[in-house]
C-alpha atoms as a PDB file:
ATOM      1  CA  MET A   1     -32.341  16.538 -11.889  1.00  0.00           C
ATOM      2  CA  ALA A   2     -30.537  17.105 -15.149  1.00  0.00           C
ATOM      3  CA  ASP A   3     -31.347  15.588 -18.531  1.00  0.00           C
ATOM      4  CA  VAL A   4     -28.513  14.271 -20.680  1.00  0.00           C
ATOM      5  CA  LYS A   5     -28.558  12.854 -24.208  1.00  0.00           C
ATOM      6  CA  LEU A   6     -26.107   9.980 -24.597  1.00  0.00           C
ATOM      7  CA  ASN A   7     -25.002   8.675 -27.967  1.00  0.00           C
ATOM      8  CA  ILE A   8     -24.015   5.025 -27.692  1.00  0.00           C
ATOM      9  CA  ALA A   9     -23.585   2.748 -30.717  1.00  0.00           C
ATOM     10  CA  GLY A  10     -25.295   5.262 -32.966  1.00  0.00           C
ATOM     11  CA  ARG A  11     -28.393   5.564 -30.783  1.00  0.00           C
ATOM     12  CA  VAL A  12     -29.407   8.482 -28.626  1.00  0.00           C
ATOM     13  CA  TYR A  13     -30.574   7.791 -25.073  1.00  0.00           C
ATOM     14  CA  ASP A  14     -32.254  10.375 -22.833  1.00  0.00           C
ATOM     15  CA  VAL A  15     -31.028   9.886 -19.261  1.00  0.00           C
ATOM     16  CA  HIS A  16     -31.684  11.732 -15.996  1.00  0.00           C
ATOM     17  CA  CYS A  17     -28.894  12.317 -13.521  1.00  0.00           C
ATOM     18  CA  ALA A  18     -28.107  14.425 -10.469  1.00  0.00           C
ATOM     19  CA  ASP A  19     -27.194  18.029 -11.137  1.00  0.00           C
ATOM     20  CA  GLY A  20     -23.460  18.382 -11.712  1.00  0.00           C
ATOM     21  CA  GLN A  21     -23.018  14.778 -12.877  1.00  0.00           C
ATOM     22  CA  GLU A  22     -23.662  15.468 -16.560  1.00  0.00           C
ATOM     23  CA  ALA A  23     -20.001  15.561 -17.619  1.00  0.00           C
ATOM     24  CA  GLN A  24     -19.219  12.314 -15.782  1.00  0.00           C
ATOM     25  CA  LEU A  25     -22.190  10.585 -17.397  1.00  0.00           C
ATOM     26  CA  LEU A  26     -21.115  11.779 -20.855  1.00  0.00           C
ATOM     27  CA  ASN A  27     -17.576  10.477 -20.204  1.00  0.00           C
ATOM     28  CA  LEU A  28     -18.916   7.079 -19.145  1.00  0.00           C
ATOM     29  CA  ALA A  29     -21.149   6.908 -22.217  1.00  0.00           C
ATOM     30  CA  ALA A  30     -18.152   7.702 -24.426  1.00  0.00           C
ATOM     31  CA  LEU A  31     -16.238   4.866 -22.751  1.00  0.00           C
ATOM     32  CA  VAL A  32     -19.071   2.391 -23.398  1.00  0.00           C
ATOM     33  CA  ASP A  33     -19.414   3.638 -26.978  1.00  0.00           C
ATOM     34  CA  ALA A  34     -15.678   3.176 -27.561  1.00  0.00           C
ATOM     35  CA  LYS A  35     -15.859  -0.421 -26.258  1.00  0.00           C
ATOM     36  CA  ILE A  36     -18.823  -1.188 -28.514  1.00  0.00           C
ATOM     37  CA  ARG A  37     -16.987   0.185 -31.549  1.00  0.00           C
ATOM     38  CA  THR A  38     -14.183  -2.363 -30.963  1.00  0.00           C
ATOM     39  CA  MET A  39     -16.689  -5.163 -31.589  1.00  0.00           C
ATOM     40  CA  PRO A  40     -17.919  -5.009 -35.173  1.00  0.00           C
ATOM     41  CA  GLY A  41     -20.879  -7.102 -36.218  1.00  0.00           C
ATOM     42  CA  GLY A  42     -23.522  -8.727 -34.081  1.00  0.00           C
ATOM     43  CA  THR A  43     -26.702  -7.203 -32.841  1.00  0.00           C
ATOM     44  CA  GLU A  44     -26.787  -3.979 -30.878  1.00  0.00           C
ATOM     45  CA  ILE A  45     -27.812  -5.853 -27.736  1.00  0.00           C
ATOM     46  CA  ARG A  46     -24.968  -8.349 -28.180  1.00  0.00           C
ATOM     47  CA  GLN A  47     -22.479  -5.501 -28.586  1.00  0.00           C
ATOM     48  CA  MET A  48     -23.836  -3.828 -25.436  1.00  0.00           C
ATOM     49  CA  LEU A  49     -23.597  -7.112 -23.541  1.00  0.00           C
ATOM     50  CA  PHE A  50     -19.967  -7.706 -24.502  1.00  0.00           C
ATOM     51  CA  ALA A  51     -19.029  -4.080 -23.820  1.00  0.00           C
ATOM     52  CA  ALA A  52     -20.582  -4.374 -20.348  1.00  0.00           C
ATOM     53  CA  LEU A  53     -18.727  -7.636 -19.697  1.00  0.00           C
ATOM     54  CA  MET A  54     -15.398  -6.173 -20.813  1.00  0.00           C
ATOM     55  CA  LEU A  55     -15.860  -3.079 -18.663  1.00  0.00           C
ATOM     56  CA  ALA A  56     -16.859  -5.213 -15.672  1.00  0.00           C
ATOM     57  CA  ASP A  57     -13.705  -7.299 -16.163  1.00  0.00           C
ATOM     58  CA  GLU A  58     -11.554  -4.161 -16.245  1.00  0.00           C
ATOM     59  CA  ALA A  59     -13.260  -2.848 -13.098  1.00  0.00           C
ATOM     60  CA  GLN A  60     -12.625  -6.150 -11.310  1.00  0.00           C
ATOM     61  CA  ASP A  61      -8.947  -6.052 -12.299  1.00  0.00           C
ATOM     62  CA  ALA A  62      -8.679  -2.480 -11.011  1.00  0.00           C
ATOM     63  CA  ASN A  63     -10.250  -3.488  -7.681  1.00  0.00           C
ATOM     64  CA  GLY A  64      -7.687  -6.288  -7.344  1.00  0.00           C
ATOM     65  CA  ILE A  65      -4.875  -3.794  -7.862  1.00  0.00           C
ATOM     66  CA  VAL A  66      -6.334  -1.493  -5.200  1.00  0.00           C
ATOM     67  CA  GLU A  67      -6.549  -4.387  -2.724  1.00  0.00           C
ATOM     68  CA  LYS A  68      -2.926  -5.381  -3.411  1.00  0.00           C
ATOM     69  CA  THR A  69      -1.828  -1.773  -2.987  1.00  0.00           C
ATOM     70  CA  ASP A  70      -3.615  -1.545   0.367  1.00  0.00           C
ATOM     71  CA  SER A  71      -1.967  -4.779   1.474  1.00  0.00           C
ATOM     72  CA  LEU A  72       1.480  -3.498   0.451  1.00  0.00           C
ATOM     73  CA  ARG A  73       0.904  -0.223   2.305  1.00  0.00           C
ATOM     74  CA  ALA A  74       0.028  -2.160   5.461  1.00  0.00           C
ATOM     75  CA  ALA A  75       3.175  -4.294   5.109  1.00  0.00           C
ATOM     76  CA  ILE A  76       5.317  -1.176   4.643  1.00  0.00           C
ATOM     77  CA  ALA A  77       3.793   0.440   7.727  1.00  0.00           C
ATOM     78  CA  LEU A  78       4.500  -2.692   9.773  1.00  0.00           C
ATOM     79  CA  ALA A  79       8.103  -2.848   8.521  1.00  0.00           C
ATOM     80  CA  GLU A  80       8.641   0.832   9.348  1.00  0.00           C
ATOM     81  CA  SER A  81       7.228   0.279  12.833  1.00  0.00           C
ATOM     82  CA  ARG A  82       9.535  -2.670  13.416  1.00  0.00           C
ATOM     83  CA  GLU A  83      12.492  -0.701  12.100  1.00  0.00           C
ATOM     84  CA  ALA A  84      11.756   2.160  14.512  1.00  0.00           C
ATOM     85  CA  GLN A  85      11.429  -0.283  17.405  1.00  0.00           C
ATOM     86  CA  ALA A  86      14.729  -1.970  16.515  1.00  0.00           C
ATOM     87  CA  ARG A  87      16.473   1.417  16.265  1.00  0.00           C
ATOM     88  CA  ASP A  88      15.096   2.428  19.679  1.00  0.00           C
ATOM     89  CA  GLU A  89      16.299  -0.826  21.233  1.00  0.00           C
ATOM     90  CA  LEU A  90      19.722  -0.370  19.637  1.00  0.00           C
ATOM     91  CA  LYS A  91      19.997   3.190  20.967  1.00  0.00           C
ATOM     92  CA  ALA A  92      19.021   2.006  24.441  1.00  0.00           C
ATOM     93  CA  ALA A  93      21.602  -0.775  24.346  1.00  0.00           C
ATOM     94  CA  LEU A  94      24.309   1.619  23.147  1.00  0.00           C
ATOM     95  CA  SER A  95      23.419   4.083  25.906  1.00  0.00           C
ATOM     96  CA  GLU A  96      23.590   1.310  28.467  1.00  0.00           C
ATOM     97  CA  LEU A  97      26.992   0.257  27.144  1.00  0.00           C
ATOM     98  CA  GLU A  98      28.296   3.840  27.265  1.00  0.00           C
ATOM     99  CA  ALA A  99      27.029   4.223  30.824  1.00  0.00           C
ATOM    100  CA  LEU A 100      28.862   1.058  31.844  1.00  0.00           C
ATOM    101  CA  LYS A 101      32.055   2.276  30.194  1.00  0.00           C
ATOM    102  CA  LYS A 102      31.876   5.617  32.023  1.00  0.00           C
ATOM    103  CA  ALA A 103      31.030   4.132  35.410  1.00  0.00           C
ATOM    104  CA  PRO A 104      33.934   4.482  37.866  1.00  0.00           C
ATOM    105  CA  ALA A 105      35.690   1.243  38.592  1.00  0.00           C
ATOM    106  CA  ALA A 106      35.410   0.335  42.282  1.00  0.00           C
ATOM    107  CA  GLU A 107      38.148  -2.220  41.966  1.00  0.00           C
ATOM    108  CA  SER A 108      41.192  -2.379  39.790  1.00  0.00           C
ATOM    109  CA  ALA A 109      40.283  -5.828  38.447  1.00  0.00           C
ATOM    110  CA  PRO A 110      37.061  -6.195  36.420  1.00  0.00           C
ATOM    111  CA  ARG A 111      34.302  -8.030  38.202  1.00  0.00           C
ATOM    112  CA  PRO A 112      32.840 -11.129  36.577  1.00  0.00           C
ATOM    113  CA  SER A 113      29.301  -9.704  36.872  1.00  0.00           C
ATOM    114  CA  HIS A 114      30.367  -6.696  34.769  1.00  0.00           C
ATOM    115  CA  ASP A 115      31.911  -8.995  32.183  1.00  0.00           C
ATOM    116  CA  ARG A 116      28.680 -10.951  31.958  1.00  0.00           C
ATOM    117  CA  ALA A 117      26.617  -7.763  31.659  1.00  0.00           C
ATOM    118  CA  LEU A 118      28.926  -6.393  28.972  1.00  0.00           C
ATOM    119  CA  LEU A 119      28.719  -9.654  27.015  1.00  0.00           C
ATOM    120  CA  GLN A 120      24.921  -9.613  27.241  1.00  0.00           C
ATOM    121  CA  ILE A 121      24.791  -6.013  26.054  1.00  0.00           C
ATOM    122  CA  ALA A 122      27.200  -6.782  23.216  1.00  0.00           C
ATOM    123  CA  ASP A 123      25.014  -9.734  22.176  1.00  0.00           C
ATOM    124  CA  ARG A 124      21.904  -7.510  22.215  1.00  0.00           C
ATOM    125  CA  ILE A 125      23.673  -4.895  20.109  1.00  0.00           C
ATOM    126  CA  GLU A 126      24.766  -7.493  17.552  1.00  0.00           C
ATOM    127  CA  THR A 127      21.255  -8.962  17.381  1.00  0.00           C
ATOM    128  CA  LEU A 128      19.668  -5.541  16.930  1.00  0.00           C
ATOM    129  CA  ALA A 129      22.262  -4.506  14.365  1.00  0.00           C
ATOM    130  CA  ALA A 130      21.491  -7.674  12.365  1.00  0.00           C
ATOM    131  CA  LYS A 131      17.776  -6.851  12.492  1.00  0.00           C
ATOM    132  CA  VAL A 132      18.372  -3.280  11.342  1.00  0.00           C
ATOM    133  CA  GLU A 133      20.565  -4.490   8.447  1.00  0.00           C
ATOM    134  CA  GLN A 134      17.759  -6.803   7.257  1.00  0.00           C
ATOM    135  CA  ILE A 135      15.270  -3.935   7.046  1.00  0.00           C
ATOM    136  CA  PRO A 136      15.120  -2.686   3.459  1.00  0.00           C
END
């Protein structure tokens, strides 16, 4: 255990902390002292109370930002996953269309079943292309 002397609001406090944590504790004490110095007047206990409340409020705001950031990261990951899936589906549809174009024609006149299949593939490609365009 290490011993640290903290100077907060003009008073010295002897505090014990884990070895290696002395610098962090001194930085935190300086932060509290700076908050107290922004509140002139009042008793020392009242200044400490308001400094603690202000720091707690700042910590709560910071936690809210972290939660929003985590939520945004999850939304981005989901959007990227959907984009990849849409691109894969589009590639598959384009490959299927190319394969149909290259297939030898058994008859000179196009068969209605091929026309239907080509229209379905074209519709899928248009739908997937619209989805891909909507992805930021």
